[in-house]
Amino acid sequence: MLIKKIFLCVAMSSVTLCASAGQYATELGQCLYNNATQADSDTLTQWAFVTLGQTRAAKSIATIPAKVNQEVTSKAQTVVLRLLAKDCASQALKATLYEGKNGVSEGIKHAVTMRLEKEFQSQTVDALIAKLTQLKTP
């Protein structure tokens, strides 16, 4: 249940990330999303989960061991670097040239956000939202 609560927080916070990406970062994010395998997408979802798990709010209900965080981050770096260098090199270059040092990171955020939005549409999350909307009144 604890993992589901954290996942719900990740998914809900992801909605705000897309708004800040520029045109080239958005195109990079779309490329990363489209070229990621299912294993890649799972790794990026796990990375988002452990990253949010490092926030004060998440730490108050669960602790993700540093070793797990490091392992997941390392796997995510490998995935992202492969995608940036191989499948999305052109988009990464444009994001860097036209949107500066934040272009690539915003593109990565956009790709992770799109993946989380897809996860957010799952039946598991729908069930959690249904429970959330069943508010108890005094």
C-alpha atoms as a PDB file:
ATOM      1  CA  MET A   1       0.000   0.000   0.000  1.00  0.00           C
ATOM      2  CA  LEU A   2       2.895   2.337   0.792  1.00  0.00           C
ATOM      3  CA  ILE A   3       4.347   1.915  -2.679  1.00  0.00           C
ATOM      4  CA  LYS A   4       0.962   2.705  -4.218  1.00  0.00           C
ATOM      5  CA  LYS A   5       0.755   5.940  -2.222  1.00  0.00           C
ATOM      6  CA  ILE A   6       4.187   7.047  -3.409  1.00  0.00           C
ATOM      7  CA  PHE A   7       3.360   6.086  -6.997  1.00  0.00           C
ATOM      8  CA  LEU A   8       0.190   8.149  -6.817  1.00  0.00           C
ATOM      9  CA  CYS A   9       2.250  11.132  -5.640  1.00  0.00           C
ATOM     10  CA  VAL A  10       4.708  10.645  -8.526  1.00  0.00           C
ATOM     11  CA  ALA A  11       1.932  10.469 -11.067  1.00  0.00           C
ATOM     12  CA  MET A  12       0.104  13.489  -9.706  1.00  0.00           C
ATOM     13  CA  SER A  13       3.251  15.617  -9.589  1.00  0.00           C
ATOM     14  CA  SER A  14       4.212  14.663 -13.129  1.00  0.00           C
ATOM     15  CA  VAL A  15       1.388  16.732 -14.603  1.00  0.00           C
ATOM     16  CA  THR A  16       3.203  19.978 -13.818  1.00  0.00           C
ATOM     17  CA  LEU A  17       6.484  18.924 -15.412  1.00  0.00           C
ATOM     18  CA  CYS A  18       5.298  19.059 -19.042  1.00  0.00           C
ATOM     19  CA  ALA A  19       4.363  22.702 -18.921  1.00  0.00           C
ATOM     20  CA  SER A  20       7.943  23.940 -18.595  1.00  0.00           C
ATOM     21  CA  ALA A  21       9.474  22.183 -21.624  1.00  0.00           C
ATOM     22  CA  GLY A  22      10.212  24.232 -24.740  1.00  0.00           C
ATOM     23  CA  GLN A  23       9.604  23.131 -28.322  1.00  0.00           C
ATOM     24  CA  TYR A  24      12.902  21.303 -28.770  1.00  0.00           C
ATOM     25  CA  ALA A  25      12.854  19.747 -25.311  1.00  0.00           C
ATOM     26  CA  THR A  26       9.326  18.551 -26.014  1.00  0.00           C
ATOM     27  CA  GLU A  27      10.457  17.022 -29.318  1.00  0.00           C
ATOM     28  CA  LEU A  28      13.366  15.357 -27.518  1.00  0.00           C
ATOM     29  CA  GLY A  29      11.030  14.021 -24.845  1.00  0.00           C
ATOM     30  CA  GLN A  30       8.699  12.634 -27.500  1.00  0.00           C
ATOM     31  CA  CYS A  31      11.648  10.952 -29.239  1.00  0.00           C
ATOM     32  CA  LEU A  32      12.893   9.444 -25.969  1.00  0.00           C
ATOM     33  CA  TYR A  33       9.401   8.208 -25.167  1.00  0.00           C
ATOM     34  CA  ASN A  34       8.819   6.741 -28.626  1.00  0.00           C
ATOM     35  CA  ASN A  35      12.186   4.987 -28.796  1.00  0.00           C
ATOM     36  CA  ALA A  36      12.219   3.561 -25.285  1.00  0.00           C
ATOM     37  CA  THR A  37      11.610  -0.161 -25.021  1.00  0.00           C
ATOM     38  CA  GLN A  38       9.272  -1.494 -22.356  1.00  0.00           C
ATOM     39  CA  ALA A  39      12.330  -2.291 -20.203  1.00  0.00           C
ATOM     40  CA  ASP A  40      13.600   1.275 -20.739  1.00  0.00           C
ATOM     41  CA  SER A  41      10.213   2.696 -19.758  1.00  0.00           C
ATOM     42  CA  ASP A  42      10.110   0.541 -16.646  1.00  0.00           C
ATOM     43  CA  THR A  43      13.576   1.767 -15.670  1.00  0.00           C
ATOM     44  CA  LEU A  44      12.572   5.408 -16.148  1.00  0.00           C
ATOM     45  CA  THR A  45       9.398   4.882 -14.121  1.00  0.00           C
ATOM     46  CA  GLN A  46      11.477   3.321 -11.341  1.00  0.00           C
ATOM     47  CA  TRP A  47      13.865   6.275 -11.515  1.00  0.00           C
ATOM     48  CA  ALA A  48      10.975   8.720 -11.138  1.00  0.00           C
ATOM     49  CA  PHE A  49       9.735   6.704  -8.179  1.00  0.00           C
ATOM     50  CA  VAL A  50      13.059   6.676  -6.309  1.00  0.00           C
ATOM     51  CA  THR A  51      13.669  10.321  -7.178  1.00  0.00           C
ATOM     52  CA  LEU A  52      10.358  11.401  -5.686  1.00  0.00           C
ATOM     53  CA  GLY A  53      11.113   9.079  -2.794  1.00  0.00           C
ATOM     54  CA  GLN A  54      13.956  11.424  -1.827  1.00  0.00           C
ATOM     55  CA  THR A  55      11.617  14.336  -1.137  1.00  0.00           C
ATOM     56  CA  ARG A  56      10.734  15.335   2.404  1.00  0.00           C
ATOM     57  CA  ALA A  57       7.084  14.373   1.975  1.00  0.00           C
ATOM     58  CA  ALA A  58       7.873  10.916   0.622  1.00  0.00           C
ATOM     59  CA  LYS A  59      10.599  10.267   3.198  1.00  0.00           C
ATOM     60  CA  SER A  60       8.051  10.847   5.946  1.00  0.00           C
ATOM     61  CA  ILE A  61       6.177   7.685   4.899  1.00  0.00           C
ATOM     62  CA  ALA A  62       8.850   5.477   3.301  1.00  0.00           C
ATOM     63  CA  THR A  63      12.604   5.184   3.006  1.00  0.00           C
ATOM     64  CA  ILE A  64      14.214   3.985  -0.179  1.00  0.00           C
ATOM     65  CA  PRO A  65      17.667   2.616   0.602  1.00  0.00           C
ATOM     66  CA  ALA A  66      20.560   4.606  -0.871  1.00  0.00           C
ATOM     67  CA  LYS A  67      21.841   1.485  -2.618  1.00  0.00           C
ATOM     68  CA  VAL A  68      18.515   1.030  -4.442  1.00  0.00           C
ATOM     69  CA  ASN A  69      18.492   4.709  -5.386  1.00  0.00           C
ATOM     70  CA  GLN A  70      22.030   4.459  -6.775  1.00  0.00           C
ATOM     71  CA  GLU A  71      21.292   1.259  -8.723  1.00  0.00           C
ATOM     72  CA  VAL A  72      18.110   2.618 -10.288  1.00  0.00           C
ATOM     73  CA  THR A  73      19.748   5.953 -11.107  1.00  0.00           C
ATOM     74  CA  SER A  74      22.694   4.182 -12.732  1.00  0.00           C
ATOM     75  CA  LYS A  75      20.361   2.049 -14.862  1.00  0.00           C
ATOM     76  CA  ALA A  76      18.355   5.123 -15.849  1.00  0.00           C
ATOM     77  CA  GLN A  77      21.525   6.995 -16.821  1.00  0.00           C
ATOM     78  CA  THR A  78      22.545   4.111 -19.065  1.00  0.00           C
ATOM     79  CA  VAL A  79      19.131   4.091 -20.746  1.00  0.00           C
ATOM     80  CA  VAL A  80      19.038   7.853 -21.233  1.00  0.00           C
ATOM     81  CA  LEU A  81      22.599   8.098 -22.532  1.00  0.00           C
ATOM     82  CA  ARG A  82      21.952   5.308 -25.029  1.00  0.00           C
ATOM     83  CA  LEU A  83      18.772   6.961 -26.264  1.00  0.00           C
ATOM     84  CA  LEU A  84      20.393  10.404 -26.434  1.00  0.00           C
ATOM     85  CA  ALA A  85      23.420   9.139 -28.349  1.00  0.00           C
ATOM     86  CA  LYS A  86      21.657   6.727 -30.671  1.00  0.00           C
ATOM     87  CA  ASP A  87      17.978   7.244 -31.341  1.00  0.00           C
ATOM     88  CA  CYS A  88      17.505  10.884 -30.358  1.00  0.00           C
ATOM     89  CA  ALA A  89      20.887  12.473 -31.070  1.00  0.00           C
ATOM     90  CA  SER A  90      19.464  15.030 -33.503  1.00  0.00           C
ATOM     91  CA  GLN A  91      16.724  16.110 -31.094  1.00  0.00           C
ATOM     92  CA  ALA A  92      19.211  16.271 -28.205  1.00  0.00           C
ATOM     93  CA  LEU A  93      21.489  18.525 -30.243  1.00  0.00           C
ATOM     94  CA  LYS A  94      18.633  20.867 -31.142  1.00  0.00           C
ATOM     95  CA  ALA A  95      17.410  20.992 -27.537  1.00  0.00           C
ATOM     96  CA  THR A  96      20.921  21.937 -26.425  1.00  0.00           C
ATOM     97  CA  LEU A  97      21.531  24.473 -29.189  1.00  0.00           C
ATOM     98  CA  TYR A  98      18.197  26.252 -29.003  1.00  0.00           C
ATOM     99  CA  GLU A  99      17.209  25.822 -25.351  1.00  0.00           C
ATOM    100  CA  GLY A 100      20.576  25.839 -23.619  1.00  0.00           C
ATOM    101  CA  LYS A 101      21.827  23.704 -20.801  1.00  0.00           C
ATOM    102  CA  ASN A 102      18.308  22.811 -19.610  1.00  0.00           C
ATOM    103  CA  GLY A 103      17.066  21.600 -22.997  1.00  0.00           C
ATOM    104  CA  VAL A 104      18.137  17.996 -22.547  1.00  0.00           C
ATOM    105  CA  SER A 105      17.057  17.750 -18.912  1.00  0.00           C
ATOM    106  CA  GLU A 106      13.647  19.213 -19.768  1.00  0.00           C
ATOM    107  CA  GLY A 107      13.363  16.698 -22.607  1.00  0.00           C
ATOM    108  CA  ILE A 108      14.112  13.854 -20.210  1.00  0.00           C
ATOM    109  CA  LYS A 109      11.519  15.194 -17.745  1.00  0.00           C
ATOM    110  CA  HIS A 110       9.006  15.359 -20.563  1.00  0.00           C
ATOM    111  CA  ALA A 111       9.661  11.728 -21.546  1.00  0.00           C
ATOM    112  CA  VAL A 112       9.386  10.517 -17.953  1.00  0.00           C
ATOM    113  CA  THR A 113       6.216  12.559 -17.489  1.00  0.00           C
ATOM    114  CA  MET A 114       4.607  11.000 -20.552  1.00  0.00           C
ATOM    115  CA  ARG A 115       5.517   7.548 -19.227  1.00  0.00           C
ATOM    116  CA  LEU A 116       4.044   8.360 -15.826  1.00  0.00           C
ATOM    117  CA  GLU A 117       0.885   9.704 -17.422  1.00  0.00           C
ATOM    118  CA  LYS A 118       0.504   6.387 -19.214  1.00  0.00           C
ATOM    119  CA  GLU A 119       0.996   4.570 -15.907  1.00  0.00           C
ATOM    120  CA  PHE A 120      -1.459   6.979 -14.314  1.00  0.00           C
ATOM    121  CA  GLN A 121      -4.147   5.705 -16.672  1.00  0.00           C
ATOM    122  CA  SER A 122      -3.823   2.161 -15.341  1.00  0.00           C
ATOM    123  CA  GLN A 123      -6.607   0.345 -13.515  1.00  0.00           C
ATOM    124  CA  THR A 124      -4.512   0.258 -10.345  1.00  0.00           C
ATOM    125  CA  VAL A 125      -4.255   4.033 -10.251  1.00  0.00           C
ATOM    126  CA  ASP A 126      -7.926   4.379 -11.185  1.00  0.00           C
ATOM    127  CA  ALA A 127      -8.775   2.251  -8.153  1.00  0.00           C
ATOM    128  CA  LEU A 128      -6.583   4.429  -5.915  1.00  0.00           C
ATOM    129  CA  ILE A 129      -8.266   7.575  -7.201  1.00  0.00           C
ATOM    130  CA  ALA A 130     -11.667   6.019  -6.562  1.00  0.00           C
ATOM    131  CA  LYS A 131     -10.625   5.428  -2.945  1.00  0.00           C
ATOM    132  CA  LEU A 132      -9.304   8.975  -2.688  1.00  0.00           C
ATOM    133  CA  THR A 133     -12.619  10.414  -3.836  1.00  0.00           C
ATOM    134  CA  GLN A 134     -14.556   8.455  -1.222  1.00  0.00           C
ATOM    135  CA  LEU A 135     -14.057  11.173   1.344  1.00  0.00           C
ATOM    136  CA  LYS A 136     -15.191  10.573   4.863  1.00  0.00           C
ATOM    137  CA  THR A 137     -17.323  13.277   6.376  1.00  0.00           C
ATOM    138  CA  PRO A 138     -17.395  14.046  10.090  1.00  0.00           C
END
